[in-house]
PDB file of N, CA and C in Angstrom:
ATOM      1  N   UNK A   1     -19.758   2.867  11.278  1.00  0.00           N
ATOM      2  CA  UNK A   1     -19.909   3.317  10.001  1.00  0.00           C
ATOM      3  C   UNK A   1     -19.875   1.598   9.014  1.00  0.00           C
ATOM      4  N   UNK A   2     -20.825   2.356   7.771  1.00  0.00           N
ATOM      5  CA  UNK A   2     -20.859   0.910   6.890  1.00  0.00           C
ATOM      6  C   UNK A   2     -19.698   0.843   5.808  1.00  0.00           C
ATOM      7  N   UNK A   3     -19.396  -0.524   5.543  1.00  0.00           N
ATOM      8  CA  UNK A   3     -18.572  -0.709   4.602  1.00  0.00           C
ATOM      9  C   UNK A   3     -18.923   0.037   3.236  1.00  0.00           C
ATOM     10  N   UNK A   4     -19.681   0.560   2.825  1.00  0.00           N
ATOM     11  CA  UNK A   4     -20.251   1.643   1.517  1.00  0.00           C
ATOM     12  C   UNK A   4     -19.633   2.273   2.061  1.00  0.00           C
ATOM     13  N   UNK A   5     -20.024   3.215   3.193  1.00  0.00           N
ATOM     14  CA  UNK A   5     -19.255   4.504   3.601  1.00  0.00           C
ATOM     15  C   UNK A   5     -17.853   4.356   3.414  1.00  0.00           C
ATOM     16  N   UNK A   6     -17.122   3.659   3.732  1.00  0.00           N
ATOM     17  CA  UNK A   6     -15.755   3.334   3.644  1.00  0.00           C
ATOM     18  C   UNK A   6     -15.280   3.438   2.667  1.00  0.00           C
ATOM     19  N   UNK A   7     -15.691   2.872   2.021  1.00  0.00           N
ATOM     20  CA  UNK A   7     -15.612   2.443   0.016  1.00  0.00           C
ATOM     21  C   UNK A   7     -15.880   3.775  -0.896  1.00  0.00           C
ATOM     22  N   UNK A   8     -17.178   4.561  -0.599  1.00  0.00           N
ATOM     23  CA  UNK A   8     -17.782   5.760  -1.238  1.00  0.00           C
ATOM     24  C   UNK A   8     -16.362   6.593  -1.804  1.00  0.00           C
ATOM     25  N   UNK A   9     -15.529   7.078  -1.090  1.00  0.00           N
ATOM     26  CA  UNK A   9     -14.440   7.996  -1.512  1.00  0.00           C
ATOM     27  C   UNK A   9     -13.384   7.553  -1.642  1.00  0.00           C
ATOM     28  N   UNK A  10     -13.117   6.135  -1.778  1.00  0.00           N
ATOM     29  CA  UNK A  10     -12.164   5.875  -1.623  1.00  0.00           C
ATOM     30  C   UNK A  10     -11.690   5.252  -3.010  1.00  0.00           C
ATOM     31  N   UNK A  11     -10.069   5.899  -3.479  1.00  0.00           N
ATOM     32  CA  UNK A  11      -9.632   5.718  -4.635  1.00  0.00           C
ATOM     33  C   UNK A  11      -8.531   4.533  -4.788  1.00  0.00           C
ATOM     34  N   UNK A  12      -8.935   3.512  -5.284  1.00  0.00           N
ATOM     35  CA  UNK A  12      -8.282   2.639  -5.939  1.00  0.00           C
ATOM     36  C   UNK A  12      -6.986   2.308  -7.079  1.00  0.00           C
ATOM     37  N   UNK A  13      -6.144   1.706  -6.847  1.00  0.00           N
ATOM     38  CA  UNK A  13      -4.871   2.118  -7.161  1.00  0.00           C
ATOM     39  C   UNK A  13      -4.820   0.593  -7.899  1.00  0.00           C
ATOM     40  N   UNK A  14      -4.083   0.868  -9.212  1.00  0.00           N
ATOM     41  CA  UNK A  14      -3.745  -1.193  -9.835  1.00  0.00           C
ATOM     42  C   UNK A  14      -2.556  -1.641  -9.022  1.00  0.00           C
ATOM     43  N   UNK A  15      -2.177  -2.594  -9.066  1.00  0.00           N
ATOM     44  CA  UNK A  15      -0.602  -3.053  -8.731  1.00  0.00           C
ATOM     45  C   UNK A  15       0.299  -2.228  -9.227  1.00  0.00           C
ATOM     46  N   UNK A  16      -0.063  -2.404 -10.585  1.00  0.00           N
ATOM     47  CA  UNK A  16       1.559  -1.379 -11.404  1.00  0.00           C
ATOM     48  C   UNK A  16       1.063   0.059 -10.574  1.00  0.00           C
ATOM     49  N   UNK A  17       0.004   0.826 -10.336  1.00  0.00           N
ATOM     50  CA  UNK A  17       0.253   2.017  -9.730  1.00  0.00           C
ATOM     51  C   UNK A  17       1.081   2.018  -8.497  1.00  0.00           C
ATOM     52  N   UNK A  18       1.122   1.081  -7.573  1.00  0.00           N
ATOM     53  CA  UNK A  18       1.227   1.111  -6.100  1.00  0.00           C
ATOM     54  C   UNK A  18       2.313   0.959  -6.201  1.00  0.00           C
ATOM     55  N   UNK A  19       3.365   0.043  -7.331  1.00  0.00           N
ATOM     56  CA  UNK A  19       4.468  -0.090  -7.610  1.00  0.00           C
ATOM     57  C   UNK A  19       5.488   0.952  -8.056  1.00  0.00           C
ATOM     58  N   UNK A  20       4.472   1.440  -9.048  1.00  0.00           N
ATOM     59  CA  UNK A  20       5.709   3.240  -9.170  1.00  0.00           C
ATOM     60  C   UNK A  20       5.544   3.914  -8.231  1.00  0.00           C
ATOM     61  N   UNK A  21       4.304   3.781  -7.562  1.00  0.00           N
ATOM     62  CA  UNK A  21       4.330   4.946  -6.100  1.00  0.00           C
ATOM     63  C   UNK A  21       5.321   4.557  -5.091  1.00  0.00           C
ATOM     64  N   UNK A  22       5.776   3.217  -4.741  1.00  0.00           N
ATOM     65  CA  UNK A  22       6.483   2.656  -3.768  1.00  0.00           C
ATOM     66  C   UNK A  22       7.961   2.540  -4.441  1.00  0.00           C
ATOM     67  N   UNK A  23       7.723   3.037  -5.852  1.00  0.00           N
ATOM     68  CA  UNK A  23       9.161   1.971  -6.659  1.00  0.00           C
ATOM     69  C   UNK A  23       9.464   0.820  -6.219  1.00  0.00           C
ATOM     70  N   UNK A  24       8.841   0.058  -6.512  1.00  0.00           N
ATOM     71  CA  UNK A  24       9.213  -1.419  -6.094  1.00  0.00           C
ATOM     72  C   UNK A  24       8.824  -2.237  -7.262  1.00  0.00           C
ATOM     73  N   UNK A  25       8.825  -3.321  -7.476  1.00  0.00           N
ATOM     74  CA  UNK A  25       8.425  -4.418  -8.295  1.00  0.00           C
ATOM     75  C   UNK A  25       6.994  -4.962  -8.005  1.00  0.00           C
ATOM     76  N   UNK A  26       6.138  -4.996  -9.114  1.00  0.00           N
ATOM     77  CA  UNK A  26       5.117  -5.380  -9.100  1.00  0.00           C
ATOM     78  C   UNK A  26       4.679  -6.741  -8.233  1.00  0.00           C
ATOM     79  N   UNK A  27       5.854  -7.359  -8.270  1.00  0.00           N
ATOM     80  CA  UNK A  27       5.686  -8.992  -7.776  1.00  0.00           C
ATOM     81  C   UNK A  27       6.078  -8.602  -5.883  1.00  0.00           C
ATOM     82  N   UNK A  28       6.439  -6.914  -5.644  1.00  0.00           N
ATOM     83  CA  UNK A  28       6.945  -6.853  -4.186  1.00  0.00           C
ATOM     84  C   UNK A  28       5.155  -6.498  -3.996  1.00  0.00           C
ATOM     85  N   UNK A  29       4.491  -5.661  -4.555  1.00  0.00           N
ATOM     86  CA  UNK A  29       3.448  -5.518  -4.457  1.00  0.00           C
ATOM     87  C   UNK A  29       2.503  -6.727  -4.139  1.00  0.00           C
ATOM     88  N   UNK A  30       2.462  -7.702  -5.073  1.00  0.00           N
ATOM     89  CA  UNK A  30       1.460  -8.644  -4.825  1.00  0.00           C
ATOM     90  C   UNK A  30       2.301  -9.322  -3.642  1.00  0.00           C
ATOM     91  N   UNK A  31       3.143  -9.499  -3.223  1.00  0.00           N
ATOM     92  CA  UNK A  31       3.532 -10.254  -2.260  1.00  0.00           C
ATOM     93  C   UNK A  31       3.025  -9.980  -1.126  1.00  0.00           C
ATOM     94  N   UNK A  32       3.211  -8.359  -0.859  1.00  0.00           N
ATOM     95  CA  UNK A  32       2.581  -7.477   0.289  1.00  0.00           C
ATOM     96  C   UNK A  32       0.949  -7.898   0.316  1.00  0.00           C
ATOM     97  N   UNK A  33       0.634  -7.999  -0.668  1.00  0.00           N
ATOM     98  CA  UNK A  33      -0.971  -8.057  -0.810  1.00  0.00           C
ATOM     99  C   UNK A  33      -1.568  -9.528  -0.080  1.00  0.00           C
ATOM    100  N   UNK A  34      -0.564 -10.734  -0.785  1.00  0.00           N
ATOM    101  CA  UNK A  34      -0.645 -11.985  -0.338  1.00  0.00           C
ATOM    102  C   UNK A  34      -0.642 -12.493   0.976  1.00  0.00           C
ATOM    103  N   UNK A  35       0.555 -11.317   1.631  1.00  0.00           N
ATOM    104  CA  UNK A  35       0.886 -11.895   3.420  1.00  0.00           C
ATOM    105  C   UNK A  35       0.043 -11.152   4.356  1.00  0.00           C
ATOM    106  N   UNK A  36      -0.898 -10.264   3.527  1.00  0.00           N
ATOM    107  CA  UNK A  36      -1.749  -9.358   4.523  1.00  0.00           C
ATOM    108  C   UNK A  36      -1.051  -8.383   4.654  1.00  0.00           C
ATOM    109  N   UNK A  37       0.247  -7.906   4.782  1.00  0.00           N
ATOM    110  CA  UNK A  37       0.618  -6.627   4.838  1.00  0.00           C
ATOM    111  C   UNK A  37      -0.158  -5.323   4.592  1.00  0.00           C
ATOM    112  N   UNK A  38      -0.521  -5.441   3.361  1.00  0.00           N
ATOM    113  CA  UNK A  38      -0.763  -4.462   2.486  1.00  0.00           C
ATOM    114  C   UNK A  38      -2.627  -4.691   1.843  1.00  0.00           C
ATOM    115  N   UNK A  39      -3.577  -4.612   2.487  1.00  0.00           N
ATOM    116  CA  UNK A  39      -5.330  -4.695   2.286  1.00  0.00           C
ATOM    117  C   UNK A  39      -5.122  -4.192   0.993  1.00  0.00           C
ATOM    118  N   UNK A  40      -6.462  -5.588  -0.320  1.00  0.00           N
ATOM    119  CA  UNK A  40      -6.352  -4.931  -0.980  1.00  0.00           C
ATOM    120  C   UNK A  40      -7.995  -5.821  -1.504  1.00  0.00           C
ATOM    121  N   UNK A  41      -8.631  -5.603  -2.935  1.00  0.00           N
ATOM    122  CA  UNK A  41      -9.990  -5.628  -3.137  1.00  0.00           C
ATOM    123  C   UNK A  41      -9.318  -6.568  -4.084  1.00  0.00           C
ATOM    124  N   UNK A  42     -10.261  -7.962  -4.834  1.00  0.00           N
ATOM    125  CA  UNK A  42      -9.821  -8.188  -5.518  1.00  0.00           C
ATOM    126  C   UNK A  42     -10.906  -8.180  -6.733  1.00  0.00           C
ATOM    127  N   UNK A  43     -10.491  -8.093  -7.918  1.00  0.00           N
ATOM    128  CA  UNK A  43     -12.195  -7.548  -8.766  1.00  0.00           C
ATOM    129  C   UNK A  43     -11.365  -8.691 -10.159  1.00  0.00           C
ATOM    130  N   UNK A  44     -12.051  -9.963 -10.111  1.00  0.00           N
ATOM    131  CA  UNK A  44     -11.974 -11.056 -11.106  1.00  0.00           C
ATOM    132  C   UNK A  44     -10.547 -11.475 -10.892  1.00  0.00           C
ATOM    133  N   UNK A  45      -9.676 -11.453 -11.695  1.00  0.00           N
ATOM    134  CA  UNK A  45      -8.456 -11.831 -11.480  1.00  0.00           C
ATOM    135  C   UNK A  45      -7.359 -10.548 -11.081  1.00  0.00           C
ATOM    136  N   UNK A  46      -7.577  -9.619 -11.314  1.00  0.00           N
ATOM    137  CA  UNK A  46      -6.663  -8.079 -10.510  1.00  0.00           C
ATOM    138  C   UNK A  46      -6.761  -7.673  -9.108  1.00  0.00           C
ATOM    139  N   UNK A  47      -6.539  -7.006  -8.614  1.00  0.00           N
ATOM    140  CA  UNK A  47      -6.724  -6.400  -7.047  1.00  0.00           C
ATOM    141  C   UNK A  47      -6.381  -5.025  -7.420  1.00  0.00           C
ATOM    142  N   UNK A  48      -6.861  -4.631  -6.965  1.00  0.00           N
ATOM    143  CA  UNK A  48      -6.714  -3.117  -6.337  1.00  0.00           C
ATOM    144  C   UNK A  48      -6.826  -2.734  -5.038  1.00  0.00           C
ATOM    145  N   UNK A  49      -5.764  -2.280  -4.879  1.00  0.00           N
ATOM    146  CA  UNK A  49      -5.093  -1.214  -3.610  1.00  0.00           C
ATOM    147  C   UNK A  49      -6.274   0.151  -3.313  1.00  0.00           C
ATOM    148  N   UNK A  50      -6.848  -0.064  -1.749  1.00  0.00           N
ATOM    149  CA  UNK A  50      -7.005   1.707  -1.723  1.00  0.00           C
ATOM    150  C   UNK A  50      -5.827   2.358  -1.170  1.00  0.00           C
ATOM    151  N   UNK A  51      -6.164   3.556  -1.692  1.00  0.00           N
ATOM    152  CA  UNK A  51      -4.797   4.804  -1.782  1.00  0.00           C
ATOM    153  C   UNK A  51      -4.317   4.951  -0.495  1.00  0.00           C
ATOM    154  N   UNK A  52      -5.674   5.175   0.268  1.00  0.00           N
ATOM    155  CA  UNK A  52      -4.634   5.193   1.907  1.00  0.00           C
ATOM    156  C   UNK A  52      -4.201   4.079   2.555  1.00  0.00           C
ATOM    157  N   UNK A  53      -4.400   2.283   1.780  1.00  0.00           N
ATOM    158  CA  UNK A  53      -3.480   1.262   2.461  1.00  0.00           C
ATOM    159  C   UNK A  53      -2.359   1.590   2.142  1.00  0.00           C
ATOM    160  N   UNK A  54      -2.156   1.834   0.883  1.00  0.00           N
ATOM    161  CA  UNK A  54      -0.536   2.399   0.822  1.00  0.00           C
ATOM    162  C   UNK A  54       0.247   3.278   1.334  1.00  0.00           C
ATOM    163  N   UNK A  55      -1.013   4.825   1.851  1.00  0.00           N
ATOM    164  CA  UNK A  55      -0.076   5.650   2.665  1.00  0.00           C
ATOM    165  C   UNK A  55       0.260   4.873   4.024  1.00  0.00           C
ATOM    166  N   UNK A  56      -1.010   4.228   4.849  1.00  0.00           N
ATOM    167  CA  UNK A  56      -0.512   3.651   6.085  1.00  0.00           C
ATOM    168  C   UNK A  56       0.498   3.027   6.245  1.00  0.00           C
ATOM    169  N   UNK A  57       0.551   1.900   4.757  1.00  0.00           N
ATOM    170  CA  UNK A  57       1.610   1.028   5.173  1.00  0.00           C
ATOM    171  C   UNK A  57       3.165   1.829   5.229  1.00  0.00           C
ATOM    172  N   UNK A  58       3.014   3.111   4.056  1.00  0.00           N
ATOM    173  CA  UNK A  58       4.639   3.649   4.081  1.00  0.00           C
ATOM    174  C   UNK A  58       4.821   4.555   5.634  1.00  0.00           C
ATOM    175  N   UNK A  59       3.441   4.775   5.843  1.00  0.00           N
ATOM    176  CA  UNK A  59       3.804   5.215   7.780  1.00  0.00           C
ATOM    177  C   UNK A  59       4.236   4.358   8.452  1.00  0.00           C
ATOM    178  N   UNK A  60       3.804   3.213   8.065  1.00  0.00           N
ATOM    179  CA  UNK A  60       4.315   1.903   9.363  1.00  0.00           C
ATOM    180  C   UNK A  60       6.021   1.700   8.873  1.00  0.00           C
ATOM    181  N   UNK A  61       5.918   1.586   7.606  1.00  0.00           N
ATOM    182  CA  UNK A  61       7.328   0.986   7.619  1.00  0.00           C
ATOM    183  C   UNK A  61       8.562   1.862   7.379  1.00  0.00           C
ATOM    184  N   UNK A  62       8.426   3.374   8.016  1.00  0.00           N
ATOM    185  CA  UNK A  62       9.535   4.602   8.089  1.00  0.00           C
ATOM    186  C   UNK A  62      10.599   3.627   9.136  1.00  0.00           C
ATOM    187  N   UNK A  63      11.697   3.562   8.768  1.00  0.00           N
ATOM    188  CA  UNK A  63      12.796   2.866  10.028  1.00  0.00           C
ATOM    189  C   UNK A  63      13.667   4.478  10.564  1.00  0.00           C
ATOM    190  N   UNK A  64      13.968   3.760  11.512  1.00  0.00           N
ATOM    191  CA  UNK A  64      14.522   4.765  12.474  1.00  0.00           C
ATOM    192  C   UNK A  64      15.706   4.452  12.714  1.00  0.00           C
ATOM    193  N   UNK A  65      16.576   5.278  12.338  1.00  0.00           N
ATOM    194  CA  UNK A  65      18.180   4.775  12.721  1.00  0.00           C
ATOM    195  C   UNK A  65      18.855   5.287  13.700  1.00  0.00           C
ATOM    196  N   UNK A  66      18.149   5.973  14.758  1.00  0.00           N
ATOM    197  CA  UNK A  66      18.994   5.828  15.811  1.00  0.00           C
ATOM    198  C   UNK A  66      19.387   7.058  15.892  1.00  0.00           C
ATOM    199  N   UNK A  67      20.185   7.735  15.518  1.00  0.00           N
ATOM    200  CA  UNK A  67      21.269   8.601  14.993  1.00  0.00           C
ATOM    201  C   UNK A  67      20.279  10.273  14.989  1.00  0.00           C
ATOM    202  N   UNK A  68      19.054   9.917  14.700  1.00  0.00           N
ATOM    203  CA  UNK A  68      18.478  11.649  14.337  1.00  0.00           C
ATOM    204  C   UNK A  68      18.796  11.714  13.143  1.00  0.00           C
ATOM    205  N   UNK A  69      19.042  11.380  12.409  1.00  0.00           N
ATOM    206  CA  UNK A  69      19.403  11.988  11.119  1.00  0.00           C
ATOM    207  C   UNK A  69      18.864  10.841   9.863  1.00  0.00           C
ATOM    208  N   UNK A  70      17.527  10.912   9.779  1.00  0.00           N
ATOM    209  CA  UNK A  70      17.037   9.947   8.764  1.00  0.00           C
ATOM    210  C   UNK A  70      17.509   9.801   7.416  1.00  0.00           C
ATOM    211  N   UNK A  71      17.485   9.211   6.780  1.00  0.00           N
ATOM    212  CA  UNK A  71      17.688   8.982   5.081  1.00  0.00           C
ATOM    213  C   UNK A  71      19.225   8.991   4.878  1.00  0.00           C
ATOM    214  N   UNK A  72      20.101   9.247   6.063  1.00  0.00           N
ATOM    215  CA  UNK A  72      21.385   9.693   5.834  1.00  0.00           C
ATOM    216  C   UNK A  72      22.291   8.006   6.827  1.00  0.00           C
ATOM    217  N   UNK A  73      23.233   7.850   5.599  1.00  0.00           N
ATOM    218  CA  UNK A  73      24.130   7.106   6.029  1.00  0.00           C
ATOM    219  C   UNK A  73      24.182   5.119   5.764  1.00  0.00           C
TER     220      UNK A  73
END
């Protein structure tokens, strides 16, 4: 599959949109991008994050508390 096919239907989000979606600061998103934890494309001086990259990051960031009650405690 070519790069063009990968991005032809991709929806890109701004850093501000990602921050709002994740409910974190823009600086947190910039740190994730610069550390390589979240892929992004640079357009001039700004970054755009593929929407599916945010979904993949969040899926990988789920923490299992080990007690069978996710989100409590």
